[in-house]
Amino acid sequence: MEHKFYDVKTKSRVTAEVKEKVSYGKPGNERYAFRAQTADGRNLTAFVSKDTWEKANI
């Protein structure tokens, strides 16, 4: 699955293959995110809605 991420170093939007989906925070106060990497190995994180996170097939 591909998703759009913001690359802080290049200050631009990039499309990358999602490697994993993660959740942060305590139960009842979670934030949901996709994780990916750029071609040169830098990490990318994009926070998404719970619905988008649950629908993702990763």
PDB file of N, CA and C in Angstrom:
ATOM      1  N   MET A   1       0.841  -1.175   0.000  1.00  0.00           N
ATOM      2  CA  MET A   1       0.000   0.000   0.000  1.00  0.00           C
ATOM      3  C   MET A   1       0.884   1.236   0.000  1.00  0.00           C
ATOM      4  N   GLU A   2       0.562   2.190  -0.839  1.00  0.00           N
ATOM      5  CA  GLU A   2       1.302   3.447  -0.871  1.00  0.00           C
ATOM      6  C   GLU A   2       0.497   4.541  -0.182  1.00  0.00           C
ATOM      7  N   HIS A   3       1.213   5.493   0.395  1.00  0.00           N
ATOM      8  CA  HIS A   3       0.588   6.623   1.081  1.00  0.00           C
ATOM      9  C   HIS A   3       1.475   7.848   0.889  1.00  0.00           C
ATOM     10  N   LYS A   4       0.893   9.032   0.975  1.00  0.00           N
ATOM     11  CA  LYS A   4       1.669  10.264   0.853  1.00  0.00           C
ATOM     12  C   LYS A   4       2.199  10.677   2.220  1.00  0.00           C
ATOM     13  N   PHE A   5       3.471  11.033   2.246  1.00  0.00           N
ATOM     14  CA  PHE A   5       4.146  11.474   3.457  1.00  0.00           C
ATOM     15  C   PHE A   5       4.773  12.831   3.196  1.00  0.00           C
ATOM     16  N   TYR A   6       5.048  13.581   4.258  1.00  0.00           N
ATOM     17  CA  TYR A   6       5.789  14.829   4.139  1.00  0.00           C
ATOM     18  C   TYR A   6       7.229  14.560   4.539  1.00  0.00           C
ATOM     19  N   ASP A   7       8.152  14.816   3.620  1.00  0.00           N
ATOM     20  CA  ASP A   7       9.578  14.624   3.865  1.00  0.00           C
ATOM     21  C   ASP A   7      10.149  15.938   4.400  1.00  0.00           C
ATOM     22  N   VAL A   8      10.518  15.957   5.664  1.00  0.00           N
ATOM     23  CA  VAL A   8      10.976  17.176   6.333  1.00  0.00           C
ATOM     24  C   VAL A   8      12.298  17.673   5.739  1.00  0.00           C
ATOM     25  N   LYS A   9      13.183  16.760   5.396  1.00  0.00           N
ATOM     26  CA  LYS A   9      14.484  17.155   4.880  1.00  0.00           C
ATOM     27  C   LYS A   9      14.369  17.863   3.528  1.00  0.00           C
ATOM     28  N   THR A  10      13.556  17.326   2.623  1.00  0.00           N
ATOM     29  CA  THR A  10      13.399  17.943   1.301  1.00  0.00           C
ATOM     30  C   THR A  10      12.255  18.946   1.257  1.00  0.00           C
ATOM     31  N   LYS A  11      11.479  19.022   2.331  1.00  0.00           N
ATOM     32  CA  LYS A  11      10.330  19.926   2.439  1.00  0.00           C
ATOM     33  C   LYS A  11       9.351  19.735   1.285  1.00  0.00           C
ATOM     34  N   SER A  12       9.008  18.477   1.025  1.00  0.00           N
ATOM     35  CA  SER A  12       8.074  18.168  -0.048  1.00  0.00           C
ATOM     36  C   SER A  12       7.262  16.927   0.294  1.00  0.00           C
ATOM     37  N   ARG A  13       6.174  16.745  -0.452  1.00  0.00           N
ATOM     38  CA  ARG A  13       5.338  15.558  -0.299  1.00  0.00           C
ATOM     39  C   ARG A  13       5.929  14.446  -1.150  1.00  0.00           C
ATOM     40  N   VAL A  14       6.011  13.253  -0.589  1.00  0.00           N
ATOM     41  CA  VAL A  14       6.508  12.093  -1.308  1.00  0.00           C
ATOM     42  C   VAL A  14       5.540  10.938  -1.119  1.00  0.00           C
ATOM     43  N   THR A  15       5.521  10.040  -2.087  1.00  0.00           N
ATOM     44  CA  THR A  15       4.727   8.827  -1.983  1.00  0.00           C
ATOM     45  C   THR A  15       5.668   7.679  -1.713  1.00  0.00           C
ATOM     46  N   ALA A  16       5.343   6.898  -0.676  1.00  0.00           N
ATOM     47  CA  ALA A  16       6.214   5.787  -0.290  1.00  0.00           C
ATOM     48  C   ALA A  16       5.366   4.583   0.094  1.00  0.00           C
ATOM     49  N   GLU A  17       5.981   3.418   0.031  1.00  0.00           N
ATOM     50  CA  GLU A  17       5.324   2.174   0.413  1.00  0.00           C
ATOM     51  C   GLU A  17       5.258   2.082   1.939  1.00  0.00           C
ATOM     52  N   VAL A  18       4.069   1.871   2.475  1.00  0.00           N
ATOM     53  CA  VAL A  18       3.879   1.765   3.922  1.00  0.00           C
ATOM     54  C   VAL A  18       4.470   0.437   4.396  1.00  0.00           C
ATOM     55  N   LYS A  19       5.354   0.508   5.393  1.00  0.00           N
ATOM     56  CA  LYS A  19       6.007  -0.684   5.933  1.00  0.00           C
ATOM     57  C   LYS A  19       5.276  -1.254   7.142  1.00  0.00           C
ATOM     58  N   GLU A  20       4.674  -0.375   7.945  1.00  0.00           N
ATOM     59  CA  GLU A  20       3.941  -0.833   9.123  1.00  0.00           C
ATOM     60  C   GLU A  20       2.948   0.222   9.551  1.00  0.00           C
ATOM     61  N   LYS A  21       1.965  -0.222  10.333  1.00  0.00           N
ATOM     62  CA  LYS A  21       1.029   0.723  10.933  1.00  0.00           C
ATOM     63  C   LYS A  21       1.186   0.617  12.436  1.00  0.00           C
ATOM     64  N   VAL A  22       1.225   1.764  13.099  1.00  0.00           N
ATOM     65  CA  VAL A  22       1.473   1.808  14.534  1.00  0.00           C
ATOM     66  C   VAL A  22       0.452   2.704  15.214  1.00  0.00           C
ATOM     67  N   SER A  23       0.301   2.512  16.525  1.00  0.00           N
ATOM     68  CA  SER A  23      -0.541   3.401  17.322  1.00  0.00           C
ATOM     69  C   SER A  23       0.277   3.893  18.500  1.00  0.00           C
ATOM     70  N   TYR A  24       0.060   5.131  18.856  1.00  0.00           N
ATOM     71  CA  TYR A  24       0.774   5.765  19.951  1.00  0.00           C
ATOM     72  C   TYR A  24      -0.228   6.204  21.001  1.00  0.00           C
ATOM     73  N   GLY A  25       0.152   6.169  22.267  1.00  0.00           N
ATOM     74  CA  GLY A  25      -0.684   6.688  23.342  1.00  0.00           C
ATOM     75  C   GLY A  25      -1.354   5.609  24.154  1.00  0.00           C
ATOM     76  N   LYS A  26      -2.056   6.065  25.162  1.00  0.00           N
ATOM     77  CA  LYS A  26      -2.762   5.176  26.082  1.00  0.00           C
ATOM     78  C   LYS A  26      -4.102   4.765  25.477  1.00  0.00           C
ATOM     79  N   PRO A  27      -4.651   3.631  25.919  1.00  0.00           N
ATOM     80  CA  PRO A  27      -5.977   3.225  25.444  1.00  0.00           C
ATOM     81  C   PRO A  27      -7.007   4.324  25.700  1.00  0.00           C
ATOM     82  N   GLY A  28      -7.792   4.620  24.689  1.00  0.00           N
ATOM     83  CA  GLY A  28      -8.773   5.684  24.783  1.00  0.00           C
ATOM     84  C   GLY A  28      -8.234   7.019  24.318  1.00  0.00           C
ATOM     85  N   ASN A  29      -6.924   7.127  24.152  1.00  0.00           N
ATOM     86  CA  ASN A  29      -6.310   8.372  23.695  1.00  0.00           C
ATOM     87  C   ASN A  29      -5.199   8.055  22.681  1.00  0.00           C
ATOM     88  N   GLU A  30      -5.507   7.141  21.742  1.00  0.00           N
ATOM     89  CA  GLU A  30      -4.499   6.718  20.784  1.00  0.00           C
ATOM     90  C   GLU A  30      -4.431   7.658  19.584  1.00  0.00           C
ATOM     91  N   ARG A  31      -3.259   7.653  18.949  1.00  0.00           N
ATOM     92  CA  ARG A  31      -3.051   8.293  17.646  1.00  0.00           C
ATOM     93  C   ARG A  31      -2.560   7.197  16.719  1.00  0.00           C
ATOM     94  N   TYR A  32      -3.001   7.230  15.485  1.00  0.00           N
ATOM     95  CA  TYR A  32      -2.696   6.177  14.525  1.00  0.00           C
ATOM     96  C   TYR A  32      -1.806   6.720  13.425  1.00  0.00           C
ATOM     97  N   ALA A  33      -0.828   5.904  13.000  1.00  0.00           N
ATOM     98  CA  ALA A  33       0.146   6.376  12.019  1.00  0.00           C
ATOM     99  C   ALA A  33       0.608   5.253  11.108  1.00  0.00           C
ATOM    100  N   PHE A  34       1.092   5.665   9.928  1.00  0.00           N
ATOM    101  CA  PHE A  34       1.780   4.777   9.000  1.00  0.00           C
ATOM    102  C   PHE A  34       3.247   5.106   9.037  1.00  0.00           C
ATOM    103  N   ARG A  35       4.095   4.080   8.917  1.00  0.00           N
ATOM    104  CA  ARG A  35       5.547   4.263   8.892  1.00  0.00           C
ATOM    105  C   ARG A  35       6.081   3.789   7.553  1.00  0.00           C
ATOM    106  N   ALA A  36       7.098   4.494   7.028  1.00  0.00           N
ATOM    107  CA  ALA A  36       7.730   4.126   5.759  1.00  0.00           C
ATOM    108  C   ALA A  36       9.167   4.608   5.785  1.00  0.00           C
ATOM    109  N   GLN A  37       9.895   4.328   4.696  1.00  0.00           N
ATOM    110  CA  GLN A  37      11.265   4.801   4.551  1.00  0.00           C
ATOM    111  C   GLN A  37      11.465   5.372   3.160  1.00  0.00           C
ATOM    112  N   THR A  38      12.342   6.366   3.064  1.00  0.00           N
ATOM    113  CA  THR A  38      12.708   6.927   1.772  1.00  0.00           C
ATOM    114  C   THR A  38      13.712   5.995   1.094  1.00  0.00           C
ATOM    115  N   ALA A  39      14.060   6.298  -0.138  1.00  0.00           N
ATOM    116  CA  ALA A  39      15.011   5.471  -0.887  1.00  0.00           C
ATOM    117  C   ALA A  39      16.384   5.459  -0.223  1.00  0.00           C
ATOM    118  N   ASP A  40      16.739   6.571   0.449  1.00  0.00           N
ATOM    119  CA  ASP A  40      18.045   6.624   1.108  1.00  0.00           C
ATOM    120  C   ASP A  40      17.992   6.222   2.587  1.00  0.00           C
ATOM    121  N   GLY A  41      16.868   5.632   3.032  1.00  0.00           N
ATOM    122  CA  GLY A  41      16.799   5.037   4.360  1.00  0.00           C
ATOM    123  C   GLY A  41      16.271   5.897   5.485  1.00  0.00           C
ATOM    124  N   ARG A  42      15.833   7.127   5.204  1.00  0.00           N
ATOM    125  CA  ARG A  42      15.275   7.962   6.272  1.00  0.00           C
ATOM    126  C   ARG A  42      13.844   7.538   6.582  1.00  0.00           C
ATOM    127  N   ASN A  43      13.464   7.642   7.856  1.00  0.00           N
ATOM    128  CA  ASN A  43      12.132   7.242   8.290  1.00  0.00           C
ATOM    129  C   ASN A  43      11.108   8.328   8.009  1.00  0.00           C
ATOM    130  N   LEU A  44       9.905   7.890   7.660  1.00  0.00           N
ATOM    131  CA  LEU A  44       8.786   8.789   7.432  1.00  0.00           C
ATOM    132  C   LEU A  44       7.616   8.319   8.286  1.00  0.00           C
ATOM    133  N   THR A  45       6.854   9.264   8.835  1.00  0.00           N
ATOM    134  CA  THR A  45       5.668   8.959   9.624  1.00  0.00           C
ATOM    135  C   THR A  45       4.541   9.869   9.170  1.00  0.00           C
ATOM    136  N   ALA A  46       3.351   9.295   8.987  1.00  0.00           N
ATOM    137  CA  ALA A  46       2.168  10.081   8.641  1.00  0.00           C
ATOM    138  C   ALA A  46       1.042   9.664   9.582  1.00  0.00           C
ATOM    139  N   PHE A  47       0.501  10.626  10.313  1.00  0.00           N
ATOM    140  CA  PHE A  47      -0.623  10.345  11.200  1.00  0.00           C
ATOM    141  C   PHE A  47      -1.905  10.345  10.376  1.00  0.00           C
ATOM    142  N   VAL A  48      -2.751   9.349  10.636  1.00  0.00           N
ATOM    143  CA  VAL A  48      -3.982   9.163   9.869  1.00  0.00           C
ATOM    144  C   VAL A  48      -5.150   8.946  10.820  1.00  0.00           C
ATOM    145  N   SER A  49      -6.357   8.972  10.255  1.00  0.00           N
ATOM    146  CA  SER A  49      -7.547   8.732  11.068  1.00  0.00           C
ATOM    147  C   SER A  49      -7.643   7.251  11.436  1.00  0.00           C
ATOM    148  N   LYS A  50      -8.435   6.971  12.432  1.00  0.00           N
ATOM    149  CA  LYS A  50      -8.609   5.593  12.873  1.00  0.00           C
ATOM    150  C   LYS A  50      -9.237   4.750  11.765  1.00  0.00           C
ATOM    151  N   ASP A  51     -10.193   5.310  11.023  1.00  0.00           N
ATOM    152  CA  ASP A  51     -10.846   4.578   9.940  1.00  0.00           C
ATOM    153  C   ASP A  51      -9.849   4.198   8.855  1.00  0.00           C
ATOM    154  N   THR A  52      -9.001   5.124   8.445  1.00  0.00           N
ATOM    155  CA  THR A  52      -7.983   4.852   7.433  1.00  0.00           C
ATOM    156  C   THR A  52      -7.013   3.794   7.935  1.00  0.00           C
ATOM    157  N   TRP A  53      -6.622   3.898   9.192  1.00  0.00           N
ATOM    158  CA  TRP A  53      -5.675   2.955   9.808  1.00  0.00           C
ATOM    159  C   TRP A  53      -6.247   1.541   9.839  1.00  0.00           C
ATOM    160  N   GLU A  54      -7.548   1.417  10.196  1.00  0.00           N
ATOM    161  CA  GLU A  54      -8.169   0.108  10.281  1.00  0.00           C
ATOM    162  C   GLU A  54      -8.390  -0.521   8.909  1.00  0.00           C
ATOM    163  N   LYS A  55      -8.649   0.289   7.886  1.00  0.00           N
ATOM    164  CA  LYS A  55      -8.905  -0.222   6.532  1.00  0.00           C
ATOM    165  C   LYS A  55      -7.630  -0.665   5.821  1.00  0.00           C
ATOM    166  N   ALA A  56      -6.488  -0.221   6.283  1.00  0.00           N
ATOM    167  CA  ALA A  56      -5.217  -0.534   5.620  1.00  0.00           C
ATOM    168  C   ALA A  56      -4.900  -2.016   5.725  1.00  0.00           C
ATOM    169  N   ASN A  57      -4.535  -2.610   4.603  1.00  0.00           N
ATOM    170  CA  ASN A  57      -4.139  -4.025   4.572  1.00  0.00           C
ATOM    171  C   ASN A  57      -2.636  -4.122   4.554  1.00  0.00           C
ATOM    172  N   ILE A  58      -2.045  -4.152   5.729  1.00  0.00           N
ATOM    173  CA  ILE A  58      -0.590  -4.202   5.842  1.00  0.00           C
ATOM    174  C   ILE A  58      -0.204  -5.418   6.653  1.00  0.00           C
TER     175      ILE A  58
END
